[in-house]
């Protein structure tokens, strides 16, 4: 069994080497790892750092966008290179810890779920997360529940893990951070079994490179409403 880890990256020169090191060394039941890094038009030292990491670990596939297209666009590019039976979406900052991989893939390996969400809210609001951001996340998750019957506590989580059959059924149209509600709503419409496991989370601020802005929340809300009338494949 192969686990494909897709990492969208944009201007993460301060964190990407640490993230790649942790991903490479993460325990996933000793399964073979395919690491796909999509550099989404970075203008800092990120491309150089990625290439140096590739020399150390030949299991890394690097794909480059000439310009910044957005998180979902980078993920769609990465998904086209996936060879694994299980796919993990890994952010390129240090908010999420790859040491959680083992418990994230366990429900899928055991046949208990098709999709696993790594919830940040298993113990309430994470330490260091601004209350307004926590409230926004909960509101967007609530709206997904009201309009689409989504039953998760953290729709916006960056840790989404799923089987290959899920990927084969998905038809993404988003390009930015609205990937999160789109994925969640489509998965619910397609009646895949979703479960959640608690993960560690260390939120960062805009000053430290956080890229989500207020407009991304508005975009997510629009996606939630637009997907209401969208048909599946």
C-alpha atoms as a PDB file:
ATOM      1  CA  UNK A   1       0.000   0.000   0.000  1.00  0.00           C
ATOM      2  CA  UNK A   2       1.214   3.475  -0.930  1.00  0.00           C
ATOM      3  CA  UNK A   3       0.363   6.758   0.801  1.00  0.00           C
ATOM      4  CA  UNK A   4       0.475   9.851  -1.422  1.00  0.00           C
ATOM      5  CA  UNK A   5       1.106  13.112   0.421  1.00  0.00           C
ATOM      6  CA  UNK A   6       0.245  16.233  -1.560  1.00  0.00           C
ATOM      7  CA  UNK A   7       1.809  19.493  -0.352  1.00  0.00           C
ATOM      8  CA  UNK A   8       0.737  22.797  -1.956  1.00  0.00           C
ATOM      9  CA  UNK A   9       3.378  25.479  -1.340  1.00  0.00           C
ATOM     10  CA  UNK A  10       3.500  29.225  -1.818  1.00  0.00           C
ATOM     11  CA  UNK A  11       6.318  31.345  -0.359  1.00  0.00           C
ATOM     12  CA  UNK A  12       7.104  29.108   2.623  1.00  0.00           C
ATOM     13  CA  UNK A  13      10.895  29.451   2.754  1.00  0.00           C
ATOM     14  CA  UNK A  14      10.838  29.590   6.565  1.00  0.00           C
ATOM     15  CA  UNK A  15       8.939  26.340   7.075  1.00  0.00           C
ATOM     16  CA  UNK A  16       9.066  24.070   4.021  1.00  0.00           C
ATOM     17  CA  UNK A  17      12.346  22.316   4.884  1.00  0.00           C
ATOM     18  CA  UNK A  18      11.048  21.460   8.377  1.00  0.00           C
ATOM     19  CA  UNK A  19       7.727  20.246   6.986  1.00  0.00           C
ATOM     20  CA  UNK A  20       9.392  18.048   4.369  1.00  0.00           C
ATOM     21  CA  UNK A  21      11.745  16.592   6.962  1.00  0.00           C
ATOM     22  CA  UNK A  22       8.813  15.696   9.221  1.00  0.00           C
ATOM     23  CA  UNK A  23       6.814  14.263   6.331  1.00  0.00           C
ATOM     24  CA  UNK A  24       9.726  12.125   5.185  1.00  0.00           C
ATOM     25  CA  UNK A  25      10.287  10.767   8.690  1.00  0.00           C
ATOM     26  CA  UNK A  26       6.638  10.409   9.714  1.00  0.00           C
ATOM     27  CA  UNK A  27       5.507   6.931  10.753  1.00  0.00           C
ATOM     28  CA  UNK A  28       2.671   5.660   8.544  1.00  0.00           C
ATOM     29  CA  UNK A  29       2.743   1.950   9.421  1.00  0.00           C
ATOM     30  CA  UNK A  30       5.965   1.687   7.377  1.00  0.00           C
ATOM     31  CA  UNK A  31       3.923   2.170   4.210  1.00  0.00           C
ATOM     32  CA  UNK A  32       5.639   3.462   1.103  1.00  0.00           C
ATOM     33  CA  UNK A  33       5.294   7.243   0.789  1.00  0.00           C
ATOM     34  CA  UNK A  34       4.920   9.245  -2.385  1.00  0.00           C
ATOM     35  CA  UNK A  35       5.497  12.936  -1.654  1.00  0.00           C
ATOM     36  CA  UNK A  36       4.163  15.420  -4.200  1.00  0.00           C
ATOM     37  CA  UNK A  37       5.138  19.057  -3.741  1.00  0.00           C
ATOM     38  CA  UNK A  38       3.398  21.655  -5.887  1.00  0.00           C
ATOM     39  CA  UNK A  39       5.162  25.016  -5.812  1.00  0.00           C
ATOM     40  CA  UNK A  40       2.387  27.455  -6.604  1.00  0.00           C
ATOM     41  CA  UNK A  41       4.469  30.257  -8.123  1.00  0.00           C
ATOM     42  CA  UNK A  42       6.682  31.028  -5.120  1.00  0.00           C
ATOM     43  CA  UNK A  43       8.848  34.148  -5.430  1.00  0.00           C
ATOM     44  CA  UNK A  44      11.111  33.553  -2.417  1.00  0.00           C
ATOM     45  CA  UNK A  45      13.668  30.783  -1.767  1.00  0.00           C
ATOM     46  CA  UNK A  46      11.033  28.054  -1.569  1.00  0.00           C
ATOM     47  CA  UNK A  47      11.821  26.475  -4.999  1.00  0.00           C
ATOM     48  CA  UNK A  48      15.535  26.190  -4.131  1.00  0.00           C
ATOM     49  CA  UNK A  49      14.808  24.610  -0.742  1.00  0.00           C
ATOM     50  CA  UNK A  50      12.431  22.086  -2.313  1.00  0.00           C
ATOM     51  CA  UNK A  51      15.038  21.071  -4.896  1.00  0.00           C
ATOM     52  CA  UNK A  52      17.611  20.540  -2.136  1.00  0.00           C
ATOM     53  CA  UNK A  53      15.170  18.300  -0.264  1.00  0.00           C
ATOM     54  CA  UNK A  54      14.491  16.342  -3.453  1.00  0.00           C
ATOM     55  CA  UNK A  55      18.205  15.496  -3.695  1.00  0.00           C
ATOM     56  CA  UNK A  56      18.078  13.957  -0.227  1.00  0.00           C
ATOM     57  CA  UNK A  57      14.884  11.937  -0.733  1.00  0.00           C
ATOM     58  CA  UNK A  58      14.145  10.507  -4.174  1.00  0.00           C
ATOM     59  CA  UNK A  59      10.506   9.873  -3.262  1.00  0.00           C
ATOM     60  CA  UNK A  60       9.649  13.550  -3.804  1.00  0.00           C
ATOM     61  CA  UNK A  61       7.894  14.656  -6.986  1.00  0.00           C
ATOM     62  CA  UNK A  62       8.112  18.411  -7.582  1.00  0.00           C
ATOM     63  CA  UNK A  63       5.695  20.286  -9.838  1.00  0.00           C
ATOM     64  CA  UNK A  64       5.912  24.032 -10.489  1.00  0.00           C
ATOM     65  CA  UNK A  65       3.264  26.591 -11.372  1.00  0.00           C
ATOM     66  CA  UNK A  66       4.643  29.593 -13.223  1.00  0.00           C
ATOM     67  CA  UNK A  67       2.371  31.899 -11.228  1.00  0.00           C
ATOM     68  CA  UNK A  68       0.289  31.708  -8.086  1.00  0.00           C
ATOM     69  CA  UNK A  69      -3.055  30.061  -8.848  1.00  0.00           C
ATOM     70  CA  UNK A  70      -4.368  29.165  -5.382  1.00  0.00           C
ATOM     71  CA  UNK A  71      -4.443  26.241  -2.968  1.00  0.00           C
ATOM     72  CA  UNK A  72      -7.101  24.213  -4.763  1.00  0.00           C
ATOM     73  CA  UNK A  73      -5.386  24.742  -8.114  1.00  0.00           C
ATOM     74  CA  UNK A  74      -2.139  23.444  -6.623  1.00  0.00           C
ATOM     75  CA  UNK A  75      -3.934  20.457  -5.101  1.00  0.00           C
ATOM     76  CA  UNK A  76      -5.620  19.587  -8.394  1.00  0.00           C
ATOM     77  CA  UNK A  77      -2.208  19.586 -10.058  1.00  0.00           C
ATOM     78  CA  UNK A  78      -0.814  17.407  -7.283  1.00  0.00           C
ATOM     79  CA  UNK A  79      -3.738  14.981  -7.417  1.00  0.00           C
ATOM     80  CA  UNK A  80      -2.986  14.298 -11.086  1.00  0.00           C
ATOM     81  CA  UNK A  81       0.333  12.717 -10.008  1.00  0.00           C
ATOM     82  CA  UNK A  82      -1.105  10.566  -7.212  1.00  0.00           C
ATOM     83  CA  UNK A  83      -0.224   6.862  -7.313  1.00  0.00           C
ATOM     84  CA  UNK A  84      -1.196   5.909  -3.769  1.00  0.00           C
ATOM     85  CA  UNK A  85      -4.126   4.077  -2.220  1.00  0.00           C
ATOM     86  CA  UNK A  86      -4.513   6.781   0.443  1.00  0.00           C
ATOM     87  CA  UNK A  87      -4.066  10.521  -0.094  1.00  0.00           C
ATOM     88  CA  UNK A  88      -3.054  13.020   2.594  1.00  0.00           C
ATOM     89  CA  UNK A  89      -3.295  16.786   2.109  1.00  0.00           C
ATOM     90  CA  UNK A  90      -0.429  18.465   3.986  1.00  0.00           C
ATOM     91  CA  UNK A  91      -0.106  22.230   4.400  1.00  0.00           C
ATOM     92  CA  UNK A  92       3.393  23.649   3.989  1.00  0.00           C
ATOM     93  CA  UNK A  93       3.446  25.633   7.223  1.00  0.00           C
ATOM     94  CA  UNK A  94       4.005  24.240  10.712  1.00  0.00           C
ATOM     95  CA  UNK A  95       0.390  24.390  11.897  1.00  0.00           C
ATOM     96  CA  UNK A  96      -0.213  20.664  11.348  1.00  0.00           C
ATOM     97  CA  UNK A  97       2.085  17.903  12.580  1.00  0.00           C
ATOM     98  CA  UNK A  98       2.861  14.873  10.338  1.00  0.00           C
ATOM     99  CA  UNK A  99       3.304  12.788  13.486  1.00  0.00           C
ATOM    100  CA  UNK A 100      -0.509  12.512  13.356  1.00  0.00           C
ATOM    101  CA  UNK A 101      -0.430  10.559  10.072  1.00  0.00           C
ATOM    102  CA  UNK A 102      -0.716   7.148  11.677  1.00  0.00           C
ATOM    103  CA  UNK A 103      -3.974   7.881  13.475  1.00  0.00           C
ATOM    104  CA  UNK A 104      -5.305   9.773  10.450  1.00  0.00           C
ATOM    105  CA  UNK A 105      -4.943   6.806   8.089  1.00  0.00           C
ATOM    106  CA  UNK A 106      -6.008   4.127  10.600  1.00  0.00           C
ATOM    107  CA  UNK A 107      -9.803   4.388  10.019  1.00  0.00           C
ATOM    108  CA  UNK A 108      -9.263   4.018   6.260  1.00  0.00           C
ATOM    109  CA  UNK A 109      -6.872   1.086   6.591  1.00  0.00           C
ATOM    110  CA  UNK A 110      -9.333  -0.628   8.948  1.00  0.00           C
ATOM    111  CA  UNK A 111     -12.187  -0.069   6.485  1.00  0.00           C
ATOM    112  CA  UNK A 112     -14.156   2.112   8.902  1.00  0.00           C
ATOM    113  CA  UNK A 113     -14.113   5.284   6.794  1.00  0.00           C
ATOM    114  CA  UNK A 114     -13.495   6.601   3.293  1.00  0.00           C
ATOM    115  CA  UNK A 115     -12.392  10.040   4.523  1.00  0.00           C
ATOM    116  CA  UNK A 116     -10.778  11.247   7.736  1.00  0.00           C
ATOM    117  CA  UNK A 117     -10.792  14.862   8.896  1.00  0.00           C
ATOM    118  CA  UNK A 118      -8.170  15.912  11.406  1.00  0.00           C
ATOM    119  CA  UNK A 119     -10.242  18.128  13.675  1.00  0.00           C
ATOM    120  CA  UNK A 120      -8.564  20.968  15.532  1.00  0.00           C
ATOM    121  CA  UNK A 121     -11.563  21.430  17.816  1.00  0.00           C
ATOM    122  CA  UNK A 122     -11.672  18.123  19.682  1.00  0.00           C
ATOM    123  CA  UNK A 123     -10.811  20.018  22.880  1.00  0.00           C
ATOM    124  CA  UNK A 124     -12.491  23.315  22.028  1.00  0.00           C
ATOM    125  CA  UNK A 125     -10.685  26.350  20.617  1.00  0.00           C
ATOM    126  CA  UNK A 126      -6.968  25.586  20.088  1.00  0.00           C
ATOM    127  CA  UNK A 127      -4.570  27.647  22.153  1.00  0.00           C
ATOM    128  CA  UNK A 128      -3.379  30.631  20.138  1.00  0.00           C
ATOM    129  CA  UNK A 129      -6.252  30.645  17.643  1.00  0.00           C
ATOM    130  CA  UNK A 130      -7.957  34.071  17.592  1.00  0.00           C
ATOM    131  CA  UNK A 131     -11.568  33.867  18.734  1.00  0.00           C
ATOM    132  CA  UNK A 132     -12.851  35.518  15.548  1.00  0.00           C
ATOM    133  CA  UNK A 133     -11.105  32.893  13.408  1.00  0.00           C
ATOM    134  CA  UNK A 134     -12.480  30.108  15.591  1.00  0.00           C
ATOM    135  CA  UNK A 135     -15.969  31.612  15.307  1.00  0.00           C
ATOM    136  CA  UNK A 136     -15.652  31.948  11.527  1.00  0.00           C
ATOM    137  CA  UNK A 137     -14.590  28.317  11.195  1.00  0.00           C
ATOM    138  CA  UNK A 138     -17.497  27.132  13.317  1.00  0.00           C
ATOM    139  CA  UNK A 139     -19.950  29.316  11.369  1.00  0.00           C
ATOM    140  CA  UNK A 140     -18.823  27.957   7.990  1.00  0.00           C
ATOM    141  CA  UNK A 141     -19.013  24.409   9.327  1.00  0.00           C
ATOM    142  CA  UNK A 142     -22.489  25.142  10.697  1.00  0.00           C
ATOM    143  CA  UNK A 143     -23.654  26.440   7.309  1.00  0.00           C
ATOM    144  CA  UNK A 144     -22.379  23.279   5.625  1.00  0.00           C
ATOM    145  CA  UNK A 145     -24.426  21.293   8.103  1.00  0.00           C
ATOM    146  CA  UNK A 146     -27.602  23.322   7.600  1.00  0.00           C
ATOM    147  CA  UNK A 147     -27.473  23.389   3.797  1.00  0.00           C
ATOM    148  CA  UNK A 148     -25.814  20.066   2.999  1.00  0.00           C
ATOM    149  CA  UNK A 149     -26.185  17.784   5.999  1.00  0.00           C
ATOM    150  CA  UNK A 150     -22.444  17.817   6.721  1.00  0.00           C
ATOM    151  CA  UNK A 151     -21.726  16.231  10.103  1.00  0.00           C
ATOM    152  CA  UNK A 152     -18.215  17.279  11.073  1.00  0.00           C
ATOM    153  CA  UNK A 153     -16.873  19.666  13.711  1.00  0.00           C
ATOM    154  CA  UNK A 154     -14.100  21.213  11.592  1.00  0.00           C
ATOM    155  CA  UNK A 155     -14.896  21.514   7.907  1.00  0.00           C
ATOM    156  CA  UNK A 156     -12.040  23.980   7.329  1.00  0.00           C
ATOM    157  CA  UNK A 157      -9.290  21.708   8.645  1.00  0.00           C
ATOM    158  CA  UNK A 158      -6.213  21.415   6.445  1.00  0.00           C
ATOM    159  CA  UNK A 159      -5.860  17.722   7.303  1.00  0.00           C
ATOM    160  CA  UNK A 160      -8.085  15.802   4.926  1.00  0.00           C
ATOM    161  CA  UNK A 161      -7.167  12.170   4.299  1.00  0.00           C
ATOM    162  CA  UNK A 162      -9.057   9.952   1.874  1.00  0.00           C
ATOM    163  CA  UNK A 163      -8.958   6.791  -0.202  1.00  0.00           C
ATOM    164  CA  UNK A 164      -8.227   6.765  -3.911  1.00  0.00           C
ATOM    165  CA  UNK A 165     -11.834   5.922  -4.763  1.00  0.00           C
ATOM    166  CA  UNK A 166     -12.869   9.238  -3.219  1.00  0.00           C
ATOM    167  CA  UNK A 167     -10.463  11.174  -5.418  1.00  0.00           C
ATOM    168  CA  UNK A 168     -11.724   9.361  -8.513  1.00  0.00           C
ATOM    169  CA  UNK A 169     -15.283  10.536  -7.821  1.00  0.00           C
ATOM    170  CA  UNK A 170     -14.454  14.154  -7.046  1.00  0.00           C
ATOM    171  CA  UNK A 171     -14.772  16.932  -9.620  1.00  0.00           C
ATOM    172  CA  UNK A 172     -13.264  20.107  -8.172  1.00  0.00           C
ATOM    173  CA  UNK A 173     -13.933  23.524  -9.671  1.00  0.00           C
ATOM    174  CA  UNK A 174     -12.471  25.743  -6.938  1.00  0.00           C
ATOM    175  CA  UNK A 175      -8.979  27.222  -7.152  1.00  0.00           C
ATOM    176  CA  UNK A 176      -8.385  28.805  -3.750  1.00  0.00           C
ATOM    177  CA  UNK A 177      -9.044  28.069  -0.075  1.00  0.00           C
ATOM    178  CA  UNK A 178     -12.662  27.296  -0.963  1.00  0.00           C
ATOM    179  CA  UNK A 179     -11.351  23.791  -1.630  1.00  0.00           C
ATOM    180  CA  UNK A 180     -12.256  22.949   1.989  1.00  0.00           C
ATOM    181  CA  UNK A 181     -16.044  23.430   1.765  1.00  0.00           C
ATOM    182  CA  UNK A 182     -16.168  22.106  -1.789  1.00  0.00           C
ATOM    183  CA  UNK A 183     -14.428  18.868  -0.829  1.00  0.00           C
ATOM    184  CA  UNK A 184     -16.575  18.433   2.275  1.00  0.00           C
ATOM    185  CA  UNK A 185     -19.875  19.080   0.523  1.00  0.00           C
ATOM    186  CA  UNK A 186     -19.073  16.844  -2.452  1.00  0.00           C
ATOM    187  CA  UNK A 187     -17.994  14.038  -0.113  1.00  0.00           C
ATOM    188  CA  UNK A 188     -21.289  14.312   1.758  1.00  0.00           C
ATOM    189  CA  UNK A 189     -23.340  14.392  -1.448  1.00  0.00           C
ATOM    190  CA  UNK A 190     -21.522  11.308  -2.701  1.00  0.00           C
ATOM    191  CA  UNK A 191     -22.317   9.584   0.620  1.00  0.00           C
ATOM    192  CA  UNK A 192     -18.749   8.730   1.537  1.00  0.00           C
ATOM    193  CA  UNK A 193     -18.180   7.744   5.144  1.00  0.00           C
ATOM    194  CA  UNK A 194     -16.416  10.591   6.961  1.00  0.00           C
ATOM    195  CA  UNK A 195     -14.912  10.325  10.412  1.00  0.00           C
ATOM    196  CA  UNK A 196     -12.839  12.705  12.517  1.00  0.00           C
ATOM    197  CA  UNK A 197      -9.786  12.291  14.726  1.00  0.00           C
ATOM    198  CA  UNK A 198      -8.262  14.961  16.925  1.00  0.00           C
ATOM    199  CA  UNK A 199      -4.948  16.394  15.753  1.00  0.00           C
ATOM    200  CA  UNK A 200      -2.381  18.745  17.211  1.00  0.00           C
ATOM    201  CA  UNK A 201      -2.511  22.287  15.877  1.00  0.00           C
ATOM    202  CA  UNK A 202      -0.266  25.317  16.288  1.00  0.00           C
ATOM    203  CA  UNK A 203      -1.935  28.339  14.675  1.00  0.00           C
ATOM    204  CA  UNK A 204       0.211  31.058  13.152  1.00  0.00           C
ATOM    205  CA  UNK A 205      -0.569  34.714  12.575  1.00  0.00           C
ATOM    206  CA  UNK A 206      -0.577  36.807   9.396  1.00  0.00           C
ATOM    207  CA  UNK A 207       2.705  38.299  10.600  1.00  0.00           C
ATOM    208  CA  UNK A 208       4.201  34.800  10.595  1.00  0.00           C
ATOM    209  CA  UNK A 209       2.914  33.922   7.120  1.00  0.00           C
ATOM    210  CA  UNK A 210      -0.754  33.000   7.561  1.00  0.00           C
ATOM    211  CA  UNK A 211      -2.285  33.419   4.106  1.00  0.00           C
ATOM    212  CA  UNK A 212      -6.018  33.070   4.727  1.00  0.00           C
ATOM    213  CA  UNK A 213      -7.785  36.438   4.743  1.00  0.00           C
ATOM    214  CA  UNK A 214     -11.322  37.672   5.367  1.00  0.00           C
ATOM    215  CA  UNK A 215     -12.057  37.477   1.634  1.00  0.00           C
ATOM    216  CA  UNK A 216     -11.300  33.738   1.726  1.00  0.00           C
ATOM    217  CA  UNK A 217     -14.034  33.273   4.308  1.00  0.00           C
ATOM    218  CA  UNK A 218     -16.467  35.095   2.021  1.00  0.00           C
ATOM    219  CA  UNK A 219     -15.339  32.912  -0.888  1.00  0.00           C
ATOM    220  CA  UNK A 220     -15.924  29.780   1.213  1.00  0.00           C
ATOM    221  CA  UNK A 221     -19.424  30.980   2.110  1.00  0.00           C
ATOM    222  CA  UNK A 222     -20.224  31.622  -1.559  1.00  0.00           C
ATOM    223  CA  UNK A 223     -18.963  28.126  -2.406  1.00  0.00           C
ATOM    224  CA  UNK A 224     -21.236  26.639   0.251  1.00  0.00           C
ATOM    225  CA  UNK A 225     -24.264  28.278  -1.366  1.00  0.00           C
ATOM    226  CA  UNK A 226     -23.194  27.616  -4.972  1.00  0.00           C
ATOM    227  CA  UNK A 227     -22.587  23.925  -4.326  1.00  0.00           C
ATOM    228  CA  UNK A 228     -26.197  23.617  -3.117  1.00  0.00           C
ATOM    229  CA  UNK A 229     -27.408  23.506  -6.728  1.00  0.00           C
ATOM    230  CA  UNK A 230     -24.420  21.768  -8.253  1.00  0.00           C
ATOM    231  CA  UNK A 231     -24.794  18.267  -9.640  1.00  0.00           C
ATOM    232  CA  UNK A 232     -22.373  15.418  -9.003  1.00  0.00           C
ATOM    233  CA  UNK A 233     -20.643  13.481 -11.738  1.00  0.00           C
END
